[in-house]
Each structure stands twice: as C-alpha cells, then as structure tokens.
Amino acid sequence: MPQLSPMSWVLVVSLVLVCLTFFMTVTWWWVTTKYSIKHPSKKKYAKHSKKIIFKWSKEWKDGL
C-alpha cells in the first residue's frame, strides 16, 4: 500500500464514495426510465385471472 498521509486517504475514500454514488444514481435513473410499472385497466386483465397484474415492461402485452 502506498504511504499516504491520513488526509490523502480521506480524499481518496471520499472520491471513491462520490464515484460510487454517481454510478448508483445513473444506474437508478437508467432502470426507472427503461422499466415502468404498468397498472392495467380492467379491460387488460387476462380473461382467466381475477388478480391485479403488475407488469414490468415497456409495453403491456395481453395473455402473458
């Protein structure tokens, strides 16, 4: 391990945490824009199912 002063280690750890936070935020935004929860209307239910169906998809497809 390199010999860094304590303040340098604080800066290195802070930089890693900032990068990790940025990566997690970008990933979260990408996932929430790519996938959205679709709440189907009563007409969109499968004919054989009486349950409310939540589909993680860009488009709702009948007949799952």
C-alpha atoms as a PDB file:
ATOM      1  CA  MET A   1       0.000   0.000   0.000  1.00  0.00           C
ATOM      2  CA  PRO A   2       1.287   3.458  -0.788  1.00  0.00           C
ATOM      3  CA  GLN A   3       2.358   5.666   2.056  1.00  0.00           C
ATOM      4  CA  LEU A   4      -0.229   8.432   2.061  1.00  0.00           C
ATOM      5  CA  SER A   5      -0.966  10.910   4.754  1.00  0.00           C
ATOM      6  CA  PRO A   6      -4.257  10.496   6.634  1.00  0.00           C
ATOM      7  CA  MET A   7      -5.741  13.488   4.845  1.00  0.00           C
ATOM      8  CA  SER A   8      -4.868  11.950   1.476  1.00  0.00           C
ATOM      9  CA  TRP A   9      -6.647   8.744   2.462  1.00  0.00           C
ATOM     10  CA  VAL A  10      -9.716  10.776   3.410  1.00  0.00           C
ATOM     11  CA  LEU A  11      -9.667  12.387  -0.027  1.00  0.00           C
ATOM     12  CA  VAL A  12      -9.211   9.034  -1.779  1.00  0.00           C
ATOM     13  CA  VAL A  13     -12.076   7.428   0.142  1.00  0.00           C
ATOM     14  CA  SER A  14     -14.265  10.487  -0.475  1.00  0.00           C
ATOM     15  CA  LEU A  15     -13.566  10.323  -4.194  1.00  0.00           C
ATOM     16  CA  VAL A  16     -14.455   6.624  -4.294  1.00  0.00           C
ATOM     17  CA  LEU A  17     -17.715   7.304  -2.435  1.00  0.00           C
ATOM     18  CA  VAL A  18     -18.617  10.146  -4.797  1.00  0.00           C
ATOM     19  CA  CYS A  19     -17.953   7.928  -7.828  1.00  0.00           C
ATOM     20  CA  LEU A  20     -19.983   5.094  -6.315  1.00  0.00           C
ATOM     21  CA  THR A  21     -22.884   7.435  -5.565  1.00  0.00           C
ATOM     22  CA  PHE A  22     -22.763   8.818  -9.101  1.00  0.00           C
ATOM     23  CA  PHE A  23     -22.729   5.307 -10.594  1.00  0.00           C
ATOM     24  CA  MET A  24     -25.660   4.199  -8.423  1.00  0.00           C
ATOM     25  CA  THR A  25     -27.670   7.314  -9.312  1.00  0.00           C
ATOM     26  CA  VAL A  26     -27.084   6.919 -13.050  1.00  0.00           C
ATOM     27  CA  THR A  27     -27.967   3.218 -12.856  1.00  0.00           C
ATOM     28  CA  TRP A  28     -31.146   4.004 -10.923  1.00  0.00           C
ATOM     29  CA  TRP A  29     -32.206   6.650 -13.468  1.00  0.00           C
ATOM     30  CA  TRP A  30     -31.488   4.258 -16.338  1.00  0.00           C
ATOM     31  CA  VAL A  31     -33.539   1.465 -14.763  1.00  0.00           C
ATOM     32  CA  THR A  32     -36.501   3.703 -13.887  1.00  0.00           C
ATOM     33  CA  THR A  33     -36.658   5.151 -17.387  1.00  0.00           C
ATOM     34  CA  LYS A  34     -36.258   1.773 -19.092  1.00  0.00           C
ATOM     35  CA  TYR A  35     -38.814  -0.074 -16.967  1.00  0.00           C
ATOM     36  CA  SER A  36     -42.049   1.320 -15.640  1.00  0.00           C
ATOM     37  CA  ILE A  37     -44.866  -0.258 -13.681  1.00  0.00           C
ATOM     38  CA  LYS A  38     -47.971  -0.596 -15.792  1.00  0.00           C
ATOM     39  CA  HIS A  39     -51.274  -0.662 -13.966  1.00  0.00           C
ATOM     40  CA  PRO A  40     -53.603  -2.403 -16.369  1.00  0.00           C
ATOM     41  CA  SER A  41     -57.167  -1.254 -16.669  1.00  0.00           C
ATOM     42  CA  LYS A  42     -59.952  -3.768 -16.138  1.00  0.00           C
ATOM     43  CA  LYS A  43     -60.028  -4.440 -19.879  1.00  0.00           C
ATOM     44  CA  LYS A  44     -56.390  -5.520 -19.889  1.00  0.00           C
ATOM     45  CA  TYR A  45     -56.732  -8.371 -17.382  1.00  0.00           C
ATOM     46  CA  ALA A  46     -56.193 -11.856 -18.601  1.00  0.00           C
ATOM     47  CA  LYS A  47     -59.591 -13.493 -19.065  1.00  0.00           C
ATOM     48  CA  HIS A  48     -58.750 -16.404 -16.749  1.00  0.00           C
ATOM     49  CA  SER A  49     -57.254 -14.269 -13.974  1.00  0.00           C
ATOM     50  CA  LYS A  50     -59.084 -12.205 -11.377  1.00  0.00           C
ATOM     51  CA  LYS A  51     -55.921 -10.802  -9.802  1.00  0.00           C
ATOM     52  CA  ILE A  52     -54.482  -7.366 -10.404  1.00  0.00           C
ATOM     53  CA  ILE A  53     -51.472  -7.806 -12.629  1.00  0.00           C
ATOM     54  CA  PHE A  54     -48.426  -5.562 -12.471  1.00  0.00           C
ATOM     55  CA  LYS A  55     -46.133  -5.964 -15.440  1.00  0.00           C
ATOM     56  CA  TRP A  56     -42.568  -4.627 -15.522  1.00  0.00           C
ATOM     57  CA  SER A  57     -42.256  -3.806 -19.183  1.00  0.00           C
ATOM     58  CA  LYS A  58     -42.179  -1.035 -21.727  1.00  0.00           C
ATOM     59  CA  GLU A  59     -45.392  -2.266 -23.282  1.00  0.00           C
ATOM     60  CA  TRP A  60     -48.339  -4.156 -21.878  1.00  0.00           C
ATOM     61  CA  LYS A  61     -48.977  -7.470 -23.587  1.00  0.00           C
ATOM     62  CA  ASP A  62     -52.235  -9.377 -23.200  1.00  0.00           C
ATOM     63  CA  GLY A  63     -52.203 -13.065 -22.487  1.00  0.00           C
ATOM     64  CA  LEU A  64     -48.934 -13.098 -20.528  1.00  0.00           C
END
